[in-house]
Amino acid sequence: MKQFISGIFALLVVIGCKEQKQEEEMPAVNDEQVQEMAYMDYGAKFSNSDVLDAMELGTMYSTMKVGDTTSVKVKGTIADVCVKKGCWIKMPVGAASATVKFKDYGFFLPKNGKGKEVILSGKAFKDITPVDELRHYAEDAGKSKEEIEAITEEEVTLSFIADGALVEKFDNPDVEGASKTEE
């Protein structure tokens, strides 16, 4: 009988320790902690509140005509970047992509920022981009000579002039003048 009771006690101790171990592996995390991200500042300072998702901006672009402009803050992902200076980026907005330039050529984003989250403050608009400028962008993006020469027609483009940007913090961004902040 003593062995039976000792066996049950040992079994309960093992089960109790196993359950306690599982509880220790799951730290408590609230929504605010998940949303926190460190950013690097570029250009004008702005708050990252009241920010549209890039897909929402895509919907806005679909209703715009060439020449229409709207001031917005938008969050998206850097899909492409100028490999020479970081003087422009491409950001997916719905089924299309917007070309983002920086106000008065006043700042650049990291040339190695592709795939990083970005929050932009500025003006979104539709524009007509001439062939020579499209070829220049293709050259900056590292496209082949054949790809560049294949550009023969101007395009209606989704454009954005950013006066400020917050880029997801990462190691060794290859642009000078960035200050690091926690938002």
C-alpha atoms as a PDB file:
ATOM      1  CA  MET A   1       0.000   0.000   0.000  1.00  0.00           C
ATOM      2  CA  LYS A   2       2.880   2.382   0.845  1.00  0.00           C
ATOM      3  CA  GLN A   3       4.394   1.695  -2.589  1.00  0.00           C
ATOM      4  CA  PHE A   4       1.079   2.450  -4.280  1.00  0.00           C
ATOM      5  CA  ILE A   5       0.717   5.783  -2.448  1.00  0.00           C
ATOM      6  CA  SER A   6       4.385   6.635  -3.120  1.00  0.00           C
ATOM      7  CA  GLY A   7       3.888   5.843  -6.826  1.00  0.00           C
ATOM      8  CA  ILE A   8       0.800   8.091  -7.081  1.00  0.00           C
ATOM      9  CA  PHE A   9       2.637  10.888  -5.259  1.00  0.00           C
ATOM     10  CA  ALA A  10       5.633  10.609  -7.623  1.00  0.00           C
ATOM     11  CA  LEU A  11       3.266  10.653 -10.630  1.00  0.00           C
ATOM     12  CA  LEU A  12       1.532  13.809  -9.361  1.00  0.00           C
ATOM     13  CA  VAL A  13       4.881  15.539  -8.796  1.00  0.00           C
ATOM     14  CA  VAL A  14       6.002  14.729 -12.368  1.00  0.00           C
ATOM     15  CA  ILE A  15       2.694  15.909 -13.869  1.00  0.00           C
ATOM     16  CA  GLY A  16       2.737  19.074 -11.754  1.00  0.00           C
ATOM     17  CA  CYS A  17       6.282  19.938 -12.851  1.00  0.00           C
ATOM     18  CA  LYS A  18       5.448  19.307 -16.508  1.00  0.00           C
ATOM     19  CA  GLU A  19       2.473  21.708 -16.438  1.00  0.00           C
ATOM     20  CA  GLN A  20       4.529  24.347 -14.638  1.00  0.00           C
ATOM     21  CA  LYS A  21       7.235  24.139 -17.301  1.00  0.00           C
ATOM     22  CA  GLN A  22       4.683  24.772 -20.080  1.00  0.00           C
ATOM     23  CA  GLU A  23       3.400  27.886 -18.306  1.00  0.00           C
ATOM     24  CA  GLU A  24       6.918  29.283 -17.992  1.00  0.00           C
ATOM     25  CA  GLU A  25       7.527  29.020 -21.758  1.00  0.00           C
ATOM     26  CA  MET A  26       4.640  31.365 -22.656  1.00  0.00           C
ATOM     27  CA  PRO A  27       5.516  34.941 -21.656  1.00  0.00           C
ATOM     28  CA  ALA A  28       2.691  37.435 -21.269  1.00  0.00           C
ATOM     29  CA  VAL A  29       2.615  39.879 -24.196  1.00  0.00           C
ATOM     30  CA  ASN A  30      -0.033  42.510 -24.736  1.00  0.00           C
ATOM     31  CA  ASP A  31      -1.001  44.182 -28.048  1.00  0.00           C
ATOM     32  CA  GLU A  32       0.969  47.357 -27.274  1.00  0.00           C
ATOM     33  CA  GLN A  33       4.195  45.384 -26.867  1.00  0.00           C
ATOM     34  CA  VAL A  34       3.638  43.629 -30.198  1.00  0.00           C
ATOM     35  CA  GLN A  35       3.016  46.962 -31.983  1.00  0.00           C
ATOM     36  CA  GLU A  36       6.212  48.621 -30.709  1.00  0.00           C
ATOM     37  CA  MET A  37       8.971  48.952 -33.294  1.00  0.00           C
ATOM     38  CA  ALA A  38      12.153  50.990 -33.424  1.00  0.00           C
ATOM     39  CA  TYR A  39      12.525  53.360 -36.379  1.00  0.00           C
ATOM     40  CA  MET A  40      15.253  55.469 -37.923  1.00  0.00           C
ATOM     41  CA  ASP A  41      14.212  59.061 -38.756  1.00  0.00           C
ATOM     42  CA  TYR A  42      14.838  60.698 -42.105  1.00  0.00           C
ATOM     43  CA  GLY A  43      13.747  64.185 -43.187  1.00  0.00           C
ATOM     44  CA  ALA A  44      11.074  66.115 -41.291  1.00  0.00           C
ATOM     45  CA  LYS A  45       9.869  64.804 -37.931  1.00  0.00           C
ATOM     46  CA  PHE A  46       6.270  63.584 -37.692  1.00  0.00           C
ATOM     47  CA  SER A  47       4.141  61.352 -35.483  1.00  0.00           C
ATOM     48  CA  ASN A  48       3.275  57.870 -36.617  1.00  0.00           C
ATOM     49  CA  SER A  49      -0.383  58.191 -35.612  1.00  0.00           C
ATOM     50  CA  ASP A  50      -3.290  58.337 -38.097  1.00  0.00           C
ATOM     51  CA  VAL A  51      -1.328  56.333 -40.660  1.00  0.00           C
ATOM     52  CA  LEU A  52      -2.972  54.629 -43.649  1.00  0.00           C
ATOM     53  CA  ASP A  53      -1.990  51.148 -44.745  1.00  0.00           C
ATOM     54  CA  ALA A  54      -0.390  51.058 -48.220  1.00  0.00           C
ATOM     55  CA  MET A  55      -3.367  49.052 -49.524  1.00  0.00           C
ATOM     56  CA  GLU A  56      -5.726  51.853 -48.427  1.00  0.00           C
ATOM     57  CA  LEU A  57      -3.542  54.316 -50.304  1.00  0.00           C
ATOM     58  CA  GLY A  58      -3.871  52.070 -53.372  1.00  0.00           C
ATOM     59  CA  THR A  59      -7.646  52.474 -53.148  1.00  0.00           C
ATOM     60  CA  MET A  60      -7.239  56.259 -52.937  1.00  0.00           C
ATOM     61  CA  TYR A  61      -4.984  56.246 -56.012  1.00  0.00           C
ATOM     62  CA  SER A  62      -7.639  54.324 -57.982  1.00  0.00           C
ATOM     63  CA  THR A  63     -10.051  57.264 -57.616  1.00  0.00           C
ATOM     64  CA  MET A  64      -7.477  59.960 -58.434  1.00  0.00           C
ATOM     65  CA  LYS A  65      -6.956  61.643 -61.795  1.00  0.00           C
ATOM     66  CA  VAL A  66      -3.628  62.899 -63.151  1.00  0.00           C
ATOM     67  CA  GLY A  67      -2.832  66.074 -61.210  1.00  0.00           C
ATOM     68  CA  ASP A  68      -4.876  65.192 -58.085  1.00  0.00           C
ATOM     69  CA  THR A  69      -2.920  65.441 -54.819  1.00  0.00           C
ATOM     70  CA  THR A  70      -3.623  64.444 -51.212  1.00  0.00           C
ATOM     71  CA  SER A  71      -1.551  64.794 -48.016  1.00  0.00           C
ATOM     72  CA  VAL A  72      -1.228  61.492 -46.135  1.00  0.00           C
ATOM     73  CA  LYS A  73       0.869  59.378 -43.825  1.00  0.00           C
ATOM     74  CA  VAL A  74       1.219  55.806 -45.084  1.00  0.00           C
ATOM     75  CA  LYS A  75       2.810  52.590 -43.842  1.00  0.00           C
ATOM     76  CA  GLY A  76       4.164  49.991 -46.241  1.00  0.00           C
ATOM     77  CA  THR A  77       7.201  48.015 -47.297  1.00  0.00           C
ATOM     78  CA  ILE A  78      10.156  49.139 -49.379  1.00  0.00           C
ATOM     79  CA  ALA A  79       9.921  46.968 -52.518  1.00  0.00           C
ATOM     80  CA  ASP A  80      12.792  48.575 -54.431  1.00  0.00           C
ATOM     81  CA  VAL A  81      15.325  51.330 -53.782  1.00  0.00           C
ATOM     82  CA  CYS A  82      17.776  53.402 -55.813  1.00  0.00           C
ATOM     83  CA  VAL A  83      21.015  51.430 -55.572  1.00  0.00           C
ATOM     84  CA  LYS A  84      23.161  54.490 -56.297  1.00  0.00           C
ATOM     85  CA  LYS A  85      22.013  56.938 -53.590  1.00  0.00           C
ATOM     86  CA  GLY A  86      18.757  55.798 -51.998  1.00  0.00           C
ATOM     87  CA  CYS A  87      17.128  58.835 -53.621  1.00  0.00           C
ATOM     88  CA  TRP A  88      13.840  57.019 -54.410  1.00  0.00           C
ATOM     89  CA  ILE A  89      11.968  53.901 -53.368  1.00  0.00           C
ATOM     90  CA  LYS A  90       9.072  51.857 -54.733  1.00  0.00           C
ATOM     91  CA  MET A  91       6.264  50.856 -52.390  1.00  0.00           C
ATOM     92  CA  PRO A  92       3.427  48.451 -53.257  1.00  0.00           C
ATOM     93  CA  VAL A  93       0.002  50.129 -53.027  1.00  0.00           C
ATOM     94  CA  GLY A  94      -2.679  47.613 -53.903  1.00  0.00           C
ATOM     95  CA  ALA A  95      -2.033  45.941 -57.256  1.00  0.00           C
ATOM     96  CA  ALA A  96       0.353  48.733 -58.334  1.00  0.00           C
ATOM     97  CA  SER A  97       3.499  50.354 -57.005  1.00  0.00           C
ATOM     98  CA  ALA A  98       4.107  53.994 -56.057  1.00  0.00           C
ATOM     99  CA  THR A  99       7.368  55.785 -56.771  1.00  0.00           C
ATOM    100  CA  VAL A 100       8.462  57.735 -53.704  1.00  0.00           C
ATOM    101  CA  LYS A 101      10.898  60.643 -53.954  1.00  0.00           C
ATOM    102  CA  PHE A 102      12.079  62.892 -51.159  1.00  0.00           C
ATOM    103  CA  LYS A 103      11.191  66.579 -50.859  1.00  0.00           C
ATOM    104  CA  ASP A 104      13.825  68.904 -52.308  1.00  0.00           C
ATOM    105  CA  TYR A 105      16.244  65.948 -52.534  1.00  0.00           C
ATOM    106  CA  GLY A 106      16.706  66.731 -48.838  1.00  0.00           C
ATOM    107  CA  PHE A 107      17.315  63.190 -47.582  1.00  0.00           C
ATOM    108  CA  PHE A 108      17.804  59.647 -48.807  1.00  0.00           C
ATOM    109  CA  LEU A 109      16.811  56.254 -47.430  1.00  0.00           C
ATOM    110  CA  PRO A 110      19.180  53.308 -46.925  1.00  0.00           C
ATOM    111  CA  LYS A 111      20.236  51.644 -50.167  1.00  0.00           C
ATOM    112  CA  ASN A 112      20.008  48.324 -48.326  1.00  0.00           C
ATOM    113  CA  GLY A 113      16.488  49.017 -46.982  1.00  0.00           C
ATOM    114  CA  LYS A 114      14.634  46.713 -49.406  1.00  0.00           C
ATOM    115  CA  GLY A 115      12.012  44.677 -47.545  1.00  0.00           C
ATOM    116  CA  LYS A 116      11.951  46.984 -44.506  1.00  0.00           C
ATOM    117  CA  GLU A 117       8.817  48.615 -43.129  1.00  0.00           C
ATOM    118  CA  VAL A 118       8.531  52.328 -43.842  1.00  0.00           C
ATOM    119  CA  ILE A 119       6.150  55.072 -42.695  1.00  0.00           C
ATOM    120  CA  LEU A 120       6.048  58.113 -44.964  1.00  0.00           C
ATOM    121  CA  SER A 121       4.586  61.575 -44.483  1.00  0.00           C
ATOM    122  CA  GLY A 122       3.930  63.627 -47.591  1.00  0.00           C
ATOM    123  CA  LYS A 123       1.804  64.058 -50.719  1.00  0.00           C
ATOM    124  CA  ALA A 124       0.391  61.320 -52.915  1.00  0.00           C
ATOM    125  CA  PHE A 125      -0.505  62.141 -56.525  1.00  0.00           C
ATOM    126  CA  LYS A 126      -0.856  60.756 -60.036  1.00  0.00           C
ATOM    127  CA  ASP A 127       1.636  62.021 -62.578  1.00  0.00           C
ATOM    128  CA  ILE A 128       2.870  61.362 -66.113  1.00  0.00           C
ATOM    129  CA  THR A 129       6.504  60.208 -66.150  1.00  0.00           C
ATOM    130  CA  PRO A 130       8.425  60.808 -69.377  1.00  0.00           C
ATOM    131  CA  VAL A 131      10.513  58.086 -71.082  1.00  0.00           C
ATOM    132  CA  ASP A 132      13.891  59.629 -70.162  1.00  0.00           C
ATOM    133  CA  GLU A 133      12.963  59.695 -66.458  1.00  0.00           C
ATOM    134  CA  LEU A 134      11.648  56.106 -66.581  1.00  0.00           C
ATOM    135  CA  ARG A 135      14.935  55.029 -68.174  1.00  0.00           C
ATOM    136  CA  HIS A 136      16.874  56.905 -65.483  1.00  0.00           C
ATOM    137  CA  TYR A 137      14.953  55.020 -62.756  1.00  0.00           C
ATOM    138  CA  ALA A 138      15.615  51.708 -64.518  1.00  0.00           C
ATOM    139  CA  GLU A 139      19.330  52.527 -64.631  1.00  0.00           C
ATOM    140  CA  ASP A 140      19.316  53.495 -60.928  1.00  0.00           C
ATOM    141  CA  ALA A 141      17.594  50.189 -60.150  1.00  0.00           C
ATOM    142  CA  GLY A 142      20.402  48.280 -61.870  1.00  0.00           C
ATOM    143  CA  LYS A 143      18.365  47.102 -64.888  1.00  0.00           C
ATOM    144  CA  SER A 144      20.157  45.758 -67.979  1.00  0.00           C
ATOM    145  CA  LYS A 145      20.811  47.898 -71.064  1.00  0.00           C
ATOM    146  CA  GLU A 146      18.177  45.890 -72.978  1.00  0.00           C
ATOM    147  CA  GLU A 147      15.546  46.474 -70.286  1.00  0.00           C
ATOM    148  CA  ILE A 148      16.307  50.201 -70.279  1.00  0.00           C
ATOM    149  CA  GLU A 149      16.083  50.477 -74.082  1.00  0.00           C
ATOM    150  CA  ALA A 150      12.739  48.616 -74.039  1.00  0.00           C
ATOM    151  CA  ILE A 151      11.172  51.630 -72.284  1.00  0.00           C
ATOM    152  CA  THR A 152       9.634  53.609 -75.154  1.00  0.00           C
ATOM    153  CA  GLU A 153       6.436  55.196 -73.781  1.00  0.00           C
ATOM    154  CA  GLU A 154       5.644  57.601 -70.978  1.00  0.00           C
ATOM    155  CA  GLU A 155       3.551  56.228 -68.110  1.00  0.00           C
ATOM    156  CA  VAL A 156       0.886  57.456 -65.753  1.00  0.00           C
ATOM    157  CA  THR A 157       2.562  56.802 -62.438  1.00  0.00           C
ATOM    158  CA  LEU A 158       1.510  56.737 -58.821  1.00  0.00           C
ATOM    159  CA  SER A 159       3.841  59.199 -57.149  1.00  0.00           C
ATOM    160  CA  PHE A 160       4.599  60.283 -53.609  1.00  0.00           C
ATOM    161  CA  ILE A 161       6.778  63.149 -52.377  1.00  0.00           C
ATOM    162  CA  ALA A 162       7.821  62.427 -48.794  1.00  0.00           C
ATOM    163  CA  ASP A 163       8.902  65.189 -46.457  1.00  0.00           C
ATOM    164  CA  GLY A 164       9.721  62.668 -43.722  1.00  0.00           C
ATOM    165  CA  ALA A 165      10.226  58.933 -43.328  1.00  0.00           C
ATOM    166  CA  LEU A 166      10.543  56.390 -40.542  1.00  0.00           C
ATOM    167  CA  VAL A 167      12.316  53.183 -41.552  1.00  0.00           C
ATOM    168  CA  GLU A 168      12.293  50.002 -39.497  1.00  0.00           C
ATOM    169  CA  LYS A 169      15.551  49.947 -37.532  1.00  0.00           C
ATOM    170  CA  PHE A 170      18.160  47.486 -38.793  1.00  0.00           C
ATOM    171  CA  ASP A 171      21.905  46.982 -38.507  1.00  0.00           C
ATOM    172  CA  ASN A 172      24.270  48.909 -40.781  1.00  0.00           C
ATOM    173  CA  PRO A 173      21.976  51.075 -42.925  1.00  0.00           C
ATOM    174  CA  ASP A 174      24.142  52.500 -45.702  1.00  0.00           C
ATOM    175  CA  VAL A 175      23.018  56.121 -45.522  1.00  0.00           C
ATOM    176  CA  GLU A 176      24.486  58.922 -43.462  1.00  0.00           C
ATOM    177  CA  GLY A 177      22.662  61.328 -41.171  1.00  0.00           C
ATOM    178  CA  ALA A 178      20.061  58.994 -39.671  1.00  0.00           C
ATOM    179  CA  SER A 179      19.069  59.489 -36.068  1.00  0.00           C
ATOM    180  CA  LYS A 180      17.598  56.550 -34.210  1.00  0.00           C
ATOM    181  CA  THR A 181      14.365  56.881 -32.250  1.00  0.00           C
ATOM    182  CA  GLU A 182      11.997  54.532 -30.476  1.00  0.00           C
ATOM    183  CA  GLU A 183       8.342  55.026 -31.353  1.00  0.00           C
END
